[in-house]
Amino acid sequence: MMDKVKNITIRVPAELKEKLKQEADSKGYPMKDLINFILWNYLKSTVRE
């Protein structure tokens, strides 16, 4: 079964967006995938279940 996907909009400084884009491009990922990876790793390291 496919996970449901929801859209969110966030505002970030232009410099942060550019750094995210550069990192995603260097790894060959779409920026949305890199951001999802970063968010999941943050939650896994900080949130207790």
C-alpha atoms as a PDB file:
ATOM      1  CA  MET A   1       0.000   0.000   0.000  1.00  0.00           C
ATOM      2  CA  MET A   2       1.317   3.429  -0.922  1.00  0.00           C
ATOM      3  CA  ASP A   3       1.865   6.017   1.798  1.00  0.00           C
ATOM      4  CA  LYS A   4      -0.273   9.097   1.495  1.00  0.00           C
ATOM      5  CA  VAL A   5       1.704  12.182   0.607  1.00  0.00           C
ATOM      6  CA  LYS A   6       0.846  15.680   1.801  1.00  0.00           C
ATOM      7  CA  ASN A   7       2.302  18.904   0.492  1.00  0.00           C
ATOM      8  CA  ILE A   8       3.725  21.575   2.760  1.00  0.00           C
ATOM      9  CA  THR A   9       5.190  24.952   1.967  1.00  0.00           C
ATOM     10  CA  ILE A  10       8.095  26.308   3.950  1.00  0.00           C
ATOM     11  CA  ARG A  11      10.000  29.544   3.650  1.00  0.00           C
ATOM     12  CA  VAL A  12      13.757  29.359   3.939  1.00  0.00           C
ATOM     13  CA  PRO A  13      16.512  31.874   3.347  1.00  0.00           C
ATOM     14  CA  ALA A  14      17.748  31.951  -0.258  1.00  0.00           C
ATOM     15  CA  GLU A  15      21.202  30.814   0.881  1.00  0.00           C
ATOM     16  CA  LEU A  16      19.768  27.713   2.586  1.00  0.00           C
ATOM     17  CA  LYS A  17      17.723  26.828  -0.489  1.00  0.00           C
ATOM     18  CA  GLU A  18      20.807  27.138  -2.678  1.00  0.00           C
ATOM     19  CA  LYS A  19      22.886  24.956  -0.338  1.00  0.00           C
ATOM     20  CA  LEU A  20      20.135  22.305  -0.298  1.00  0.00           C
ATOM     21  CA  LYS A  21      19.950  22.399  -4.091  1.00  0.00           C
ATOM     22  CA  GLN A  22      23.727  22.071  -4.427  1.00  0.00           C
ATOM     23  CA  GLU A  23      23.788  19.114  -2.027  1.00  0.00           C
ATOM     24  CA  ALA A  24      20.897  17.388  -3.775  1.00  0.00           C
ATOM     25  CA  ASP A  25      22.461  17.962  -7.187  1.00  0.00           C
ATOM     26  CA  SER A  26      25.831  16.619  -6.033  1.00  0.00           C
ATOM     27  CA  LYS A  27      24.155  13.411  -4.833  1.00  0.00           C
ATOM     28  CA  GLY A  28      21.857  13.118  -7.844  1.00  0.00           C
ATOM     29  CA  TYR A  29      18.671  13.452  -5.764  1.00  0.00           C
ATOM     30  CA  PRO A  30      15.678  15.710  -6.230  1.00  0.00           C
ATOM     31  CA  MET A  31      15.720  18.417  -3.547  1.00  0.00           C
ATOM     32  CA  LYS A  32      12.425  17.116  -2.105  1.00  0.00           C
ATOM     33  CA  ASP A  33      14.015  13.707  -1.477  1.00  0.00           C
ATOM     34  CA  LEU A  34      17.006  15.279   0.269  1.00  0.00           C
ATOM     35  CA  ILE A  35      14.723  17.358   2.500  1.00  0.00           C
ATOM     36  CA  ASN A  36      12.611  14.290   3.363  1.00  0.00           C
ATOM     37  CA  PHE A  37      15.809  12.393   4.236  1.00  0.00           C
ATOM     38  CA  ILE A  38      17.026  15.253   6.461  1.00  0.00           C
ATOM     39  CA  LEU A  39      13.675  15.556   8.245  1.00  0.00           C
ATOM     40  CA  TRP A  40      13.314  11.794   8.855  1.00  0.00           C
ATOM     41  CA  ASN A  41      16.868  11.578  10.232  1.00  0.00           C
ATOM     42  CA  TYR A  42      16.260  14.546  12.513  1.00  0.00           C
ATOM     43  CA  LEU A  43      13.084  12.992  13.900  1.00  0.00           C
ATOM     44  CA  LYS A  44      14.719   9.584  14.363  1.00  0.00           C
ATOM     45  CA  SER A  45      17.539  11.168  16.358  1.00  0.00           C
ATOM     46  CA  THR A  46      15.424  13.434  18.571  1.00  0.00           C
ATOM     47  CA  VAL A  47      11.901  12.070  19.004  1.00  0.00           C
ATOM     48  CA  ARG A  48      11.139   9.276  21.436  1.00  0.00           C
ATOM     49  CA  GLU A  49       8.280   6.984  20.570  1.00  0.00           C
END
